[in-house]
Structures are given as structure tokens and as C-alpha cells.
C-alpha atoms as a PDB file:
ATOM      1  CA  MET A   1     -31.945 -15.368  -0.271  1.00  0.00           C
ATOM      2  CA  VAL A   2     -29.349 -17.738  -1.280  1.00  0.00           C
ATOM      3  CA  THR A   3     -29.869 -21.399  -0.291  1.00  0.00           C
ATOM      4  CA  THR A   4     -27.013 -23.690   0.158  1.00  0.00           C
ATOM      5  CA  ARG A   5     -26.503 -27.325   0.916  1.00  0.00           C
ATOM      6  CA  HIS A   6     -24.055 -26.935   3.477  1.00  0.00           C
ATOM      7  CA  LYS A   7     -24.911 -27.511   6.990  1.00  0.00           C
ATOM      8  CA  LYS A   8     -22.252 -25.134   8.281  1.00  0.00           C
ATOM      9  CA  ARG A   9     -23.221 -21.601   8.025  1.00  0.00           C
ATOM     10  CA  LEU A  10     -21.597 -18.199   9.384  1.00  0.00           C
ATOM     11  CA  THR A  11     -22.956 -16.446  12.332  1.00  0.00           C
ATOM     12  CA  ALA A  12     -24.239 -13.060  12.290  1.00  0.00           C
ATOM     13  CA  ASP A  13     -21.155 -11.475  13.220  1.00  0.00           C
ATOM     14  CA  GLU A  14     -19.059 -13.599  10.908  1.00  0.00           C
ATOM     15  CA  ARG A  15     -21.219 -12.592   7.937  1.00  0.00           C
ATOM     16  CA  ALA A  16     -21.290  -8.858   9.489  1.00  0.00           C
ATOM     17  CA  ALA A  17     -17.339  -8.902   9.722  1.00  0.00           C
ATOM     18  CA  ILE A  18     -16.705 -10.238   6.149  1.00  0.00           C
ATOM     19  CA  ARG A  19     -19.141  -8.134   4.316  1.00  0.00           C
ATOM     20  CA  ALA A  20     -17.787  -5.017   6.074  1.00  0.00           C
ATOM     21  CA  LEU A  21     -14.202  -5.790   5.174  1.00  0.00           C
ATOM     22  CA  ARG A  22     -13.743  -4.964   1.340  1.00  0.00           C
ATOM     23  CA  PRO A  23     -16.208  -1.746   1.494  1.00  0.00           C
ATOM     24  CA  ALA A  24     -14.200  -0.599   4.958  1.00  0.00           C
ATOM     25  CA  PHE A  25     -11.091  -1.337   3.280  1.00  0.00           C
ATOM     26  CA  GLY A  26     -11.992   0.648  -0.046  1.00  0.00           C
ATOM     27  CA  ALA A  27     -13.273   3.698   1.672  1.00  0.00           C
ATOM     28  CA  LEU A  28      -9.919   3.623   3.636  1.00  0.00           C
ATOM     29  CA  LEU A  29      -7.478   3.663   0.505  1.00  0.00           C
ATOM     30  CA  ARG A  30     -10.016   6.004  -1.427  1.00  0.00           C
ATOM     31  CA  ALA A  31      -9.480   8.297   1.579  1.00  0.00           C
ATOM     32  CA  PHE A  32      -5.689   7.999   1.955  1.00  0.00           C
ATOM     33  CA  ASP A  33      -5.678   8.534  -1.719  1.00  0.00           C
ATOM     34  CA  ALA A  34      -7.858  11.856  -1.548  1.00  0.00           C
ATOM     35  CA  ASP A  35      -5.702  13.022   1.149  1.00  0.00           C
ATOM     36  CA  LEU A  36      -2.297  12.860  -0.757  1.00  0.00           C
ATOM     37  CA  MET A  37      -3.400  13.536  -3.938  1.00  0.00           C
ATOM     38  CA  ARG A  38      -4.941  16.700  -2.397  1.00  0.00           C
ATOM     39  CA  GLY A  39      -2.052  17.489  -0.264  1.00  0.00           C
ATOM     40  CA  HIS A  40       1.029  16.398  -2.228  1.00  0.00           C
ATOM     41  CA  GLY A  41      -0.088  15.350  -6.045  1.00  0.00           C
ATOM     42  CA  LEU A  42       0.528  11.618  -4.650  1.00  0.00           C
ATOM     43  CA  SER A  43      -1.429   8.283  -5.440  1.00  0.00           C
ATOM     44  CA  HIS A  44      -1.632   6.479  -1.899  1.00  0.00           C
ATOM     45  CA  THR A  45       0.512   3.722  -4.257  1.00  0.00           C
ATOM     46  CA  GLU A  46       2.949   6.368  -5.408  1.00  0.00           C
ATOM     47  CA  PHE A  47       3.530   7.172  -1.608  1.00  0.00           C
ATOM     48  CA  LEU A  48       3.799   3.259  -1.047  1.00  0.00           C
ATOM     49  CA  ALA A  49       6.273   3.131  -3.887  1.00  0.00           C
ATOM     50  CA  LEU A  50       8.451   5.954  -2.206  1.00  0.00           C
ATOM     51  CA  MET A  51       7.942   4.832   1.243  1.00  0.00           C
ATOM     52  CA  PHE A  52       9.108   1.136   0.632  1.00  0.00           C
ATOM     53  CA  LEU A  53      12.091   2.419  -1.880  1.00  0.00           C
ATOM     54  CA  SER A  54      13.332   4.967   1.162  1.00  0.00           C
ATOM     55  CA  GLU A  55      13.432   2.001   3.540  1.00  0.00           C
ATOM     56  CA  ALA A  56      15.491  -0.562   0.903  1.00  0.00           C
ATOM     57  CA  PRO A  57      19.320  -0.689   1.049  1.00  0.00           C
ATOM     58  CA  SER A  58      20.849   2.098  -0.951  1.00  0.00           C
ATOM     59  CA  ARG A  59      17.504   3.055  -1.854  1.00  0.00           C
ATOM     60  CA  THR A  60      16.779   0.770  -4.368  1.00  0.00           C
ATOM     61  CA  LEU A  61      14.706  -2.163  -5.042  1.00  0.00           C
ATOM     62  CA  ARG A  62      14.101  -4.332  -8.256  1.00  0.00           C
ATOM     63  CA  ILE A  63      11.151  -2.942  -9.988  1.00  0.00           C
ATOM     64  CA  SER A  64       9.414  -6.725  -9.739  1.00  0.00           C
ATOM     65  CA  ASP A  65      10.555  -6.648  -5.730  1.00  0.00           C
ATOM     66  CA  LEU A  66       8.447  -3.049  -5.616  1.00  0.00           C
ATOM     67  CA  ALA A  67       5.784  -4.543  -7.351  1.00  0.00           C
ATOM     68  CA  ALA A  68       5.483  -7.316  -4.731  1.00  0.00           C
ATOM     69  CA  VAL A  69       5.852  -4.954  -1.903  1.00  0.00           C
ATOM     70  CA  CYS A  70       3.492  -2.807  -3.167  1.00  0.00           C
ATOM     71  CA  GLN A  71       1.003  -5.672  -3.952  1.00  0.00           C
ATOM     72  CA  GLN A  72       0.767  -4.188  -7.823  1.00  0.00           C
ATOM     73  CA  SER A  73       1.284  -6.275 -10.837  1.00  0.00           C
ATOM     74  CA  LEU A  74       4.425  -5.512 -12.598  1.00  0.00           C
ATOM     75  CA  SER A  75       2.784  -3.611 -15.213  1.00  0.00           C
ATOM     76  CA  ALA A  76       0.849  -1.627 -12.756  1.00  0.00           C
ATOM     77  CA  ILE A  77       4.139  -0.767 -10.616  1.00  0.00           C
ATOM     78  CA  SER A  78       5.780   0.007 -14.082  1.00  0.00           C
ATOM     79  CA  ARG A  79       3.323   2.910 -14.502  1.00  0.00           C
ATOM     80  CA  THR A  80       3.692   4.163 -11.226  1.00  0.00           C
ATOM     81  CA  VAL A  81       7.498   4.443 -11.455  1.00  0.00           C
ATOM     82  CA  GLY A  82       7.054   5.818 -14.911  1.00  0.00           C
ATOM     83  CA  ARG A  83       4.719   8.806 -13.418  1.00  0.00           C
ATOM     84  CA  LEU A  84       7.217   9.120 -10.223  1.00  0.00           C
ATOM     85  CA  GLU A  85      10.327   8.985 -12.744  1.00  0.00           C
ATOM     86  CA  ASN A  86       8.453  11.877 -14.782  1.00  0.00           C
ATOM     87  CA  ALA A  87       8.102  13.762 -11.465  1.00  0.00           C
ATOM     88  CA  GLY A  88      11.629  13.451 -10.928  1.00  0.00           C
ATOM     89  CA  LEU A  89      11.231  11.292  -7.790  1.00  0.00           C
ATOM     90  CA  VAL A  90      12.502   8.153  -8.959  1.00  0.00           C
ATOM     91  CA  ARG A  91      15.160   7.052 -11.364  1.00  0.00           C
ATOM     92  CA  ARG A  92      14.982   3.461 -13.144  1.00  0.00           C
ATOM     93  CA  GLU A  93      18.837   1.786 -13.689  1.00  0.00           C
ATOM     94  CA  GLN A  94      19.476  -1.346 -15.254  1.00  0.00           C
ATOM     95  CA  ALA A  95      20.106  -3.998 -12.572  1.00  0.00           C
ATOM     96  CA  PRO A  96      23.890  -4.090 -12.359  1.00  0.00           C
ATOM     97  CA  HIS A  97      23.564  -8.127 -12.028  1.00  0.00           C
ATOM     98  CA  ASP A  98      20.829  -8.892 -14.081  1.00  0.00           C
ATOM     99  CA  ALA A  99      20.807  -7.240 -17.787  1.00  0.00           C
ATOM    100  CA  ARG A 100      16.805  -8.109 -18.093  1.00  0.00           C
ATOM    101  CA  SER A 101      15.908  -6.251 -14.951  1.00  0.00           C
ATOM    102  CA  TYR A 102      15.689  -2.806 -13.887  1.00  0.00           C
ATOM    103  CA  ASN A 103      16.149  -1.066 -10.378  1.00  0.00           C
ATOM    104  CA  ALA A 104      13.592   2.017  -9.216  1.00  0.00           C
ATOM    105  CA  VAL A 105      16.034   3.981  -7.503  1.00  0.00           C
ATOM    106  CA  LEU A 106      14.465   6.824  -4.926  1.00  0.00           C
ATOM    107  CA  THR A 107      15.949  10.409  -6.055  1.00  0.00           C
ATOM    108  CA  ALA A 108      16.893  13.086  -3.319  1.00  0.00           C
ATOM    109  CA  GLU A 109      13.584  14.945  -4.635  1.00  0.00           C
ATOM    110  CA  GLY A 110      11.597  11.905  -3.872  1.00  0.00           C
ATOM    111  CA  LEU A 111      12.900  11.395  -0.185  1.00  0.00           C
ATOM    112  CA  ALA A 112      12.097  15.036   0.047  1.00  0.00           C
ATOM    113  CA  ARG A 113       8.408  14.420  -1.275  1.00  0.00           C
ATOM    114  CA  LEU A 114       8.170  11.746   0.792  1.00  0.00           C
ATOM    115  CA  GLU A 115       9.175  13.338   4.027  1.00  0.00           C
ATOM    116  CA  GLU A 116       6.634  16.045   3.380  1.00  0.00           C
ATOM    117  CA  ALA A 117       3.877  13.800   2.469  1.00  0.00           C
ATOM    118  CA  TRP A 118       4.379  11.626   5.696  1.00  0.00           C
ATOM    119  CA  PRO A 119       2.657  13.596   8.160  1.00  0.00           C
ATOM    120  CA  THR A 120      -0.345  13.814   5.839  1.00  0.00           C
ATOM    121  CA  HIS A 121      -0.580   9.890   5.734  1.00  0.00           C
ATOM    122  CA  ILE A 122      -0.217   9.910   9.566  1.00  0.00           C
ATOM    123  CA  ASP A 123      -2.953  12.138  10.179  1.00  0.00           C
ATOM    124  CA  SER A 124      -4.695   9.869   7.412  1.00  0.00           C
ATOM    125  CA  VAL A 125      -4.294   6.896   9.316  1.00  0.00           C
ATOM    126  CA  ARG A 126      -5.052   8.025  12.585  1.00  0.00           C
ATOM    127  CA  LYS A 127      -8.299   9.880  11.229  1.00  0.00           C
ATOM    128  CA  TYR A 128      -9.634   6.854   9.169  1.00  0.00           C
ATOM    129  CA  PHE A 129      -7.962   3.914  10.502  1.00  0.00           C
ATOM    130  CA  ILE A 130      -6.808   4.146  14.271  1.00  0.00           C
ATOM    131  CA  SER A 131      -9.954   6.449  15.337  1.00  0.00           C
ATOM    132  CA  ASN A 132     -12.018   3.558  13.972  1.00  0.00           C
ATOM    133  CA  VAL A 133     -10.412   0.691  15.683  1.00  0.00           C
ATOM    134  CA  GLN A 134     -10.350   1.918  19.351  1.00  0.00           C
ATOM    135  CA  GLY A 135     -10.661  -0.215  21.910  1.00  0.00           C
ATOM    136  CA  ILE A 136      -9.265  -3.221  19.613  1.00  0.00           C
ATOM    137  CA  ASP A 137      -5.893  -4.697  20.534  1.00  0.00           C
ATOM    138  CA  LEU A 138      -3.923  -3.381  17.488  1.00  0.00           C
ATOM    139  CA  ARG A 139      -1.112  -5.804  17.698  1.00  0.00           C
ATOM    140  CA  ALA A 140      -3.534  -8.795  17.781  1.00  0.00           C
ATOM    141  CA  LEU A 141      -5.349  -7.261  14.895  1.00  0.00           C
ATOM    142  CA  ALA A 142      -1.956  -6.810  13.069  1.00  0.00           C
ATOM    143  CA  ASP A 143      -0.866 -10.390  13.761  1.00  0.00           C
ATOM    144  CA  SER A 144      -4.431 -11.692  12.250  1.00  0.00           C
ATOM    145  CA  LEU A 145      -3.844  -9.386   8.916  1.00  0.00           C
ATOM    146  CA  GLU A 146      -0.296 -10.704   8.528  1.00  0.00           C
ATOM    147  CA  ARG A 147      -1.514 -14.110   8.840  1.00  0.00           C
ATOM    148  CA  MET A 148      -4.335 -13.307   6.133  1.00  0.00           C
ATOM    149  CA  ALA A 149      -1.871 -11.913   3.845  1.00  0.00           C
ATOM    150  CA  ALA A 150       0.647 -15.233   4.490  1.00  0.00           C
ATOM    151  CA  ASN A 151      -2.028 -17.479   4.016  1.00  0.00           C
ATOM    152  CA  GLY A 152      -3.509 -15.789   0.614  1.00  0.00           C
END
């Protein structure tokens, strides 16, 4: 057991919640990944990139902005975009107002693949997440998670 000089300690419920967070989040992402890969040949990260591109004006985002919304490093999102580009789901274009930057642009094929994968993602979210948080105020949970992300 770890000893500490701090007089304040976490309650048993606080300890249980924080210790369960990382394994639960990891299991959730692995399940989303497996379902999307099995059904559509897409990783969850690739699905998210397609989703964010589909929501962007002109279905286009600077690669650095796509990295931010996907919570990936620039090098990781570049590899993701590369895989999507090789599959014909995204194309890379030089940014019109900044010759040093590139945009990721969702192709018609990418939008079609996203639309095919969307029901699988919804089923996964309901199966692995929603079914496990029944009885919890989802709006309050979302607000709490958004606060954590904003303060992190």
C-alpha cells in the first residue's frame, strides 16, 4: 500500500470511479474499433476523421484542425489521412491561403463509406456505452466530460 503525507484521501467511491475510468475508456474504444474494422475496414479513428470532415464546411478541414478534433498528434493524423487517401476516401489538397498547410477533403467515396459505417457505430455506442450507463443523466455526464476536456 502506498503511504502519503497528504491528509486528504479519496473516498472509496472516488477511488473506484477514477480507477475504473481508464480501463473502461480503453475497452470502449477497442470495442468501437473492432466493430468498425470487422464491418467496414475502418478503425474508430478513421471513422472519426470521416465524421468530422463530413460536418465541416465544404467537407474540408486543415490537417492540423482535424488532428485537434480527433485528439491526435499531427504525425498520427497524417498517417490516418494517408490511409484514408490510399483508400480513396479522402484527398489531400494544399490550403489555398497557406502554402505550408494542407487540407483533408472528404471524397464522395468517403462520405458513402461513412454512411455505410454509421449504423454500426450507433449500434456499438448503444451496446457498449449507453447500455452501461442506464439510469445516469446523460446530459449531466456529457457536461461533466466536456468540462474535464476543457480543463485538461
